[in-house]
Amino acid sequence: MEREPLPIDFRQLETFCKVSELKSFSKAAKSLFLTQPTVSGHILSLEKTLQLRLFDRMGRETRLTRAGEVLLQYASRILSDRREALSAVSEFSLGIRGELQLGASTIPGEYLLPELIAGFKQDFPQISFSLKMSDTKEVAQYVLQGVVELGMVGARVKLEPLHYELFLEDELIVIGSPAEKNMKEKEISLEEALRRPWVLREAGSGTQIAAEKVLNRKGRTLKQLERVTEMGSTSSVKQGVKAGLGLAFVSRRAVEEELAAGSLVRVEVAGLEAISRPIYTVFHRGRTLSPIGMKFLRYLKKKREEIV
């Protein structure tokens, strides 16, 4: 006899995905505008339906069990398909409206997409956006799993189903603190640069990937840097450099105000070629974009032509 389908509703899956993302029942409740007992009830009901434990409670942090990790892959896809379906059918009765889920690494997320989204909403004010930011590798995974429909990242991550389109070329520069010794000269040799302390982004960031490629062409690697402080965002990197922790590779777009104000200085490293880092839009080639996603992608291509 064929088994009856399990009675799982979208609210339970949305709650499950949010708890998984934030690793906390209380934070998920706040994000979803629900009470914590309601969130706990959704998860308990889902666990009873599946007869499986989905989370392990470890102190203040909540972690997925192996069964939870498997369910997350499908739950993310189901919720993504639901958003796309609602967006697609709403076009016929209501015109283009709904929400577009975007993912972005730090530079496009902080310095490109806010202005692009604002420009797009002038023509389509009824469309809302949800922007999820992380490093380049994590954003690629978001697109792959269907957590977001479109991404904008600073490097190509080799995942077969993903399709990348160049949006623009970003320039990476080396910055230092004007208070640091010898920084008034603003030019040092590559050998001296490698001996100095550095403030770096995490290994999965587009900035890190681009800087590594340029050093590799000189027969050097970031691992040769002896004194390294790792930061999780461009903002924290800038603050670290201002505090005198060392030099850093950053996007020129991210430090234009600080360079103009003199709170940071651009450091020329002799023998180090200019670092051009591409910014890509990325989507899943195996999924049909929603009407909103297609319109926003066409808008990005138009803006790309204007920039070029």
Protein backbone atom coordinates (compact mmCIF):
# COMPACT_ATOMS: atom_id res chain seq x y z
CA MET A 1 0.00 0.00 0.00
CA GLU A 2 1.27 3.46 -0.94
CA ARG A 3 2.17 5.58 2.08
CA GLU A 4 0.23 8.80 2.71
CA PRO A 5 2.31 11.97 2.17
CA LEU A 6 3.60 13.55 5.36
CA PRO A 7 1.58 16.61 6.52
CA ILE A 8 4.33 19.24 6.51
CA ASP A 9 3.40 22.88 5.94
CA PHE A 10 5.48 25.78 4.66
CA ARG A 11 5.51 27.57 8.03
CA GLN A 12 7.29 24.63 9.62
CA LEU A 13 9.88 24.52 6.84
CA GLU A 14 10.46 28.30 7.00
CA THR A 15 10.95 28.08 10.76
CA PHE A 16 13.25 25.07 10.39
CA CYS A 17 15.44 26.89 7.82
CA LYS A 18 15.62 30.05 9.93
CA VAL A 19 16.66 28.16 13.09
CA SER A 20 19.27 26.34 11.00
CA GLU A 21 20.60 29.64 9.61
CA LEU A 22 20.77 31.50 12.93
CA LYS A 23 21.58 28.44 15.11
CA SER A 24 19.19 29.76 17.73
CA PHE A 25 15.47 29.37 18.51
CA SER A 26 15.27 32.80 20.13
CA LYS A 27 17.02 34.57 17.23
CA ALA A 28 14.82 32.74 14.72
CA ALA A 29 11.71 33.81 16.65
CA LYS A 30 12.84 37.44 16.56
CA SER A 31 13.66 37.27 12.85
CA LEU A 32 10.30 35.67 11.99
CA PHE A 33 8.30 37.97 14.34
CA LEU A 34 7.08 34.94 16.28
CA THR A 35 7.25 33.95 19.93
CA GLN A 36 9.89 31.43 20.95
CA PRO A 37 7.22 28.89 22.04
CA THR A 38 5.69 29.13 18.56
CA VAL A 39 9.06 28.44 16.93
CA SER A 40 9.68 25.54 19.30
CA GLY A 41 6.21 24.21 18.51
CA HIS A 42 6.85 24.28 14.75
CA ILE A 43 10.11 22.36 15.15
CA LEU A 44 8.60 19.87 17.59
CA SER A 45 5.67 19.25 15.25
CA LEU A 46 8.06 18.72 12.33
CA GLU A 47 10.20 16.31 14.35
CA LYS A 48 7.11 14.35 15.44
CA THR A 49 5.85 14.13 11.87
CA LEU A 50 9.19 12.85 10.59
CA GLN A 51 9.90 10.84 13.75
CA LEU A 52 13.42 12.23 13.65
CA ARG A 53 15.50 14.60 15.75
CA LEU A 54 16.48 17.58 13.61
CA PHE A 55 18.54 19.66 16.04
CA ASP A 56 21.01 19.06 18.83
CA ARG A 57 20.90 21.70 21.57
CA MET A 58 24.50 22.42 22.58
CA GLY A 59 24.54 25.14 25.23
CA ARG A 60 23.43 28.38 23.63
CA GLU A 61 23.94 27.08 20.09
CA THR A 62 21.59 24.83 18.13
CA ARG A 63 23.12 22.55 15.51
CA LEU A 64 21.59 20.35 12.83
CA THR A 65 21.71 16.60 13.19
CA ARG A 66 22.67 14.56 10.14
CA ALA A 67 18.96 14.09 9.37
CA GLY A 68 18.50 17.85 9.73
CA GLU A 69 21.32 18.52 7.26
CA VAL A 70 19.62 16.30 4.68
CA LEU A 71 16.22 17.92 5.24
CA LEU A 72 17.74 21.42 4.93
CA GLN A 73 18.81 20.75 1.33
CA TYR A 74 15.25 19.85 0.33
CA ALA A 75 13.52 22.45 2.52
CA SER A 76 15.60 25.26 0.97
CA ARG A 77 14.72 24.00 -2.50
CA ILE A 78 11.01 23.67 -1.69
CA LEU A 79 10.79 27.20 -0.28
CA SER A 80 12.71 28.56 -3.27
CA ASP A 81 10.36 26.79 -5.70
CA ARG A 82 7.38 28.15 -3.76
CA ARG A 83 8.66 31.74 -4.04
CA GLU A 84 9.31 31.30 -7.76
CA ALA A 85 5.87 29.78 -8.35
CA LEU A 86 4.06 32.57 -6.49
CA SER A 87 6.11 35.19 -8.29
CA ALA A 88 5.45 33.61 -11.68
CA VAL A 89 1.65 33.36 -11.32
CA SER A 90 1.32 36.79 -9.71
CA GLU A 91 2.67 38.35 -12.91
CA PHE A 92 -0.55 37.45 -14.73
CA SER A 93 -2.96 38.92 -12.19
CA LEU A 94 -0.98 41.60 -10.36
CA GLY A 95 1.92 42.52 -12.62
CA ILE A 96 5.54 42.06 -11.55
CA ARG A 97 5.63 42.03 -7.76
CA GLY A 98 6.86 39.95 -4.88
CA GLU A 99 10.26 39.42 -3.25
CA LEU A 100 13.61 38.65 -4.84
CA GLN A 101 16.16 36.75 -2.75
CA LEU A 102 19.71 37.93 -3.46
CA GLY A 103 23.07 36.80 -2.13
CA ALA A 104 26.25 38.87 -2.20
CA SER A 105 29.82 38.88 -1.00
CA THR A 106 31.00 41.93 0.94
CA ILE A 107 32.04 44.39 -1.78
CA PRO A 108 29.02 44.03 -4.09
CA GLY A 109 26.73 43.66 -1.07
CA GLU A 110 27.89 46.85 0.64
CA TYR A 111 29.07 49.05 -2.22
CA LEU A 112 27.19 48.03 -5.40
CA LEU A 113 23.83 46.39 -4.77
CA PRO A 114 22.23 49.03 -2.50
CA GLU A 115 22.44 51.63 -5.29
CA LEU A 116 21.42 49.09 -7.96
CA ILE A 117 18.40 47.96 -5.94
CA ALA A 118 17.36 51.57 -5.35
CA GLY A 119 17.54 52.28 -9.08
CA PHE A 120 15.49 49.18 -9.92
CA LYS A 121 12.81 50.03 -7.35
CA GLN A 122 12.21 53.38 -9.03
CA ASP A 123 10.60 51.45 -11.87
CA PHE A 124 9.21 48.59 -9.74
CA PRO A 125 8.45 50.01 -6.27
CA GLN A 126 6.17 47.07 -5.44
CA ILE A 127 9.08 44.60 -5.50
CA SER A 128 10.89 43.89 -2.23
CA PHE A 129 14.40 42.48 -1.84
CA SER A 130 16.06 40.22 0.69
CA LEU A 131 19.86 40.45 0.64
CA LYS A 132 21.89 37.69 2.29
CA MET A 133 25.59 38.48 2.68
CA SER A 134 28.53 36.15 3.26
CA ASP A 135 31.86 35.34 1.63
CA THR A 136 32.06 34.35 -2.05
CA LYS A 137 32.17 30.58 -1.49
CA GLU A 138 29.19 30.66 0.87
CA VAL A 139 27.11 32.79 -1.52
CA ALA A 140 27.83 30.29 -4.32
CA GLN A 141 26.44 27.58 -2.03
CA TYR A 142 23.33 29.69 -1.36
CA VAL A 143 22.69 29.88 -5.12
CA LEU A 144 23.39 26.18 -5.56
CA GLN A 145 20.97 25.22 -2.78
CA GLY A 146 18.24 27.63 -3.89
CA VAL A 147 18.46 29.76 -0.75
CA VAL A 148 18.83 32.79 -3.06
CA GLU A 149 17.90 33.17 -6.72
CA LEU A 150 20.74 35.44 -7.84
CA GLY A 151 24.15 36.17 -6.39
CA MET A 152 26.87 38.78 -6.91
CA VAL A 153 30.38 37.64 -5.98
CA GLY A 154 34.05 38.49 -6.36
CA ALA A 155 35.28 35.19 -7.81
CA ARG A 156 34.10 32.12 -9.71
CA VAL A 157 33.58 29.09 -7.50
CA LYS A 158 33.81 25.90 -9.55
CA LEU A 159 30.39 24.34 -9.03
CA GLU A 160 29.06 22.80 -12.26
CA PRO A 161 25.39 23.95 -12.17
CA LEU A 162 26.30 27.62 -11.62
CA HIS A 163 26.46 30.17 -14.44
CA TYR A 164 28.57 33.33 -14.05
CA GLU A 165 28.31 36.60 -15.99
CA LEU A 166 30.84 39.41 -15.62
CA PHE A 167 29.32 42.58 -14.16
CA LEU A 168 32.39 44.80 -13.76
CA GLU A 169 36.10 44.82 -12.95
CA ASP A 170 36.99 45.88 -9.41
CA GLU A 171 40.44 47.20 -8.43
CA LEU A 172 42.19 45.87 -5.35
CA ILE A 173 44.79 48.07 -3.67
CA VAL A 174 47.08 47.82 -0.65
CA ILE A 175 46.30 50.16 2.24
CA GLY A 176 48.10 51.12 5.42
CA SER A 177 47.76 53.45 8.39
CA PRO A 178 49.22 56.95 7.90
CA ALA A 179 50.44 56.77 11.52
CA GLU A 180 52.57 53.70 10.85
CA LYS A 181 56.33 54.14 10.43
CA ASN A 182 57.50 54.80 6.83
CA MET A 183 53.94 54.94 5.52
CA LYS A 184 54.37 58.56 4.53
CA GLU A 185 56.52 57.34 1.65
CA LYS A 186 53.59 55.18 0.50
CA GLU A 187 55.85 52.84 -1.51
CA ILE A 188 57.69 49.73 -0.35
CA SER A 189 59.35 46.75 -2.01
CA LEU A 190 57.60 43.41 -2.30
CA GLU A 191 60.19 41.88 0.05
CA GLU A 192 59.49 44.47 2.71
CA ALA A 193 55.73 44.07 2.21
CA LEU A 194 56.00 40.34 2.91
CA ARG A 195 57.89 41.03 6.13
CA ARG A 196 55.26 43.41 7.46
CA PRO A 197 52.16 42.39 9.44
CA TRP A 198 48.96 42.03 7.41
CA VAL A 199 45.23 42.13 8.01
CA LEU A 200 43.51 39.60 5.75
CA ARG A 201 39.98 38.51 4.93
CA GLU A 202 38.94 34.90 5.47
CA ALA A 203 40.03 32.22 2.98
CA GLY A 204 36.68 32.08 1.14
CA SER A 205 36.51 35.77 0.25
CA GLY A 206 36.91 37.06 -3.31
CA THR A 207 39.51 39.58 -2.12
CA GLN A 208 41.64 36.81 -0.65
CA ILE A 209 41.33 34.66 -3.79
CA ALA A 210 42.35 37.53 -6.11
CA ALA A 211 45.31 38.59 -3.95
CA GLU A 212 46.55 35.00 -3.77
CA LYS A 213 46.49 34.67 -7.58
CA VAL A 214 48.60 37.80 -8.07
CA LEU A 215 51.17 36.71 -5.47
CA ASN A 216 51.31 33.23 -7.03
CA ARG A 217 52.40 34.80 -10.31
CA LYS A 218 55.37 36.24 -8.38
CA GLY A 219 56.16 32.83 -6.94
CA ARG A 220 54.81 33.89 -3.53
CA THR A 221 51.80 32.92 -1.41
CA LEU A 222 49.81 34.48 1.40
CA LYS A 223 51.05 31.66 3.63
CA GLN A 224 54.49 33.27 3.53
CA LEU A 225 53.16 36.19 5.54
CA GLU A 226 54.41 35.60 9.07
CA ARG A 227 52.25 38.01 11.07
CA VAL A 228 48.62 37.82 10.01
CA THR A 229 45.38 38.97 11.61
CA GLU A 230 42.27 37.55 9.94
CA MET A 231 39.02 39.54 9.83
CA GLY A 232 35.54 38.53 8.70
CA SER A 233 34.49 41.68 6.87
CA THR A 234 35.88 44.61 4.89
CA SER A 235 34.78 47.04 7.60
CA SER A 236 36.73 45.17 10.26
CA VAL A 237 39.78 45.01 7.96
CA LYS A 238 39.69 48.79 7.55
CA GLN A 239 39.40 49.32 11.30
CA GLY A 240 42.27 46.90 11.89
CA VAL A 241 44.52 48.81 9.50
CA LYS A 242 43.58 52.13 11.13
CA ALA A 243 44.52 50.62 14.49
CA GLY A 244 47.98 49.75 13.16
CA LEU A 245 47.58 45.99 12.81
CA GLY A 246 49.24 46.01 9.39
CA LEU A 247 48.71 46.34 5.65
CA ALA A 248 45.68 44.96 3.80
CA PHE A 249 44.32 44.18 0.35
CA VAL A 250 40.95 45.91 -0.13
CA SER A 251 38.67 47.10 -2.90
CA ARG A 252 39.36 50.69 -3.89
CA ARG A 253 35.58 51.27 -3.80
CA ALA A 254 35.53 50.35 -0.12
CA VAL A 255 38.10 52.95 0.99
CA GLU A 256 37.47 55.98 -1.24
CA GLU A 257 36.16 58.06 1.67
CA GLU A 258 39.00 57.07 4.01
CA LEU A 259 41.66 57.80 1.38
CA ALA A 260 40.14 61.23 0.72
CA ALA A 261 40.01 61.97 4.45
CA GLY A 262 43.56 60.74 5.03
CA SER A 263 42.59 58.16 7.68
CA LEU A 264 44.06 55.47 5.40
CA VAL A 265 46.78 55.66 2.75
CA ARG A 266 47.29 53.72 -0.45
CA VAL A 267 50.58 51.83 -0.39
CA GLU A 268 52.35 51.09 -3.66
CA VAL A 269 54.23 47.79 -3.59
CA ALA A 270 57.06 47.87 -6.11
CA GLY A 271 57.04 44.89 -8.43
CA LEU A 272 53.44 43.99 -7.61
CA GLU A 273 51.19 44.30 -10.64
CA ALA A 274 47.80 45.96 -10.55
CA ILE A 275 45.15 43.65 -9.12
CA SER A 276 41.94 43.58 -11.10
CA ARG A 277 39.22 41.49 -9.49
CA PRO A 278 36.06 40.65 -11.49
CA ILE A 279 32.61 40.99 -9.95
CA TYR A 280 30.15 38.39 -11.29
CA THR A 281 26.44 37.81 -11.21
CA VAL A 282 25.69 34.12 -10.67
CA PHE A 283 22.60 31.94 -10.95
CA HIS A 284 21.72 28.25 -11.21
CA ARG A 285 21.66 27.18 -14.86
CA GLY A 286 19.26 24.33 -14.06
CA ARG A 287 16.52 26.53 -12.60
CA THR A 288 14.20 28.90 -14.47
CA LEU A 289 14.49 32.41 -13.09
CA SER A 290 11.33 33.98 -11.73
CA PRO A 291 9.88 36.97 -13.66
CA ILE A 292 11.36 39.26 -11.00
CA GLY A 293 14.74 37.55 -11.25
CA MET A 294 14.75 37.81 -15.04
CA LYS A 295 13.85 41.50 -14.94
CA PHE A 296 16.54 42.27 -12.37
CA LEU A 297 19.15 40.32 -14.36
CA ARG A 298 18.25 42.31 -17.51
CA TYR A 299 18.52 45.49 -15.45
CA LEU A 300 22.02 44.48 -14.29
CA LYS A 301 23.08 43.81 -17.89
CA LYS A 302 21.84 47.26 -18.89
CA LYS A 303 23.78 48.88 -16.02
CA ARG A 304 26.83 46.87 -17.06
CA GLU A 305 26.64 48.41 -20.57
CA GLU A 306 26.40 51.88 -19.05
CA ILE A 307 29.48 51.30 -16.87
CA VAL A 308 31.53 49.94 -19.78
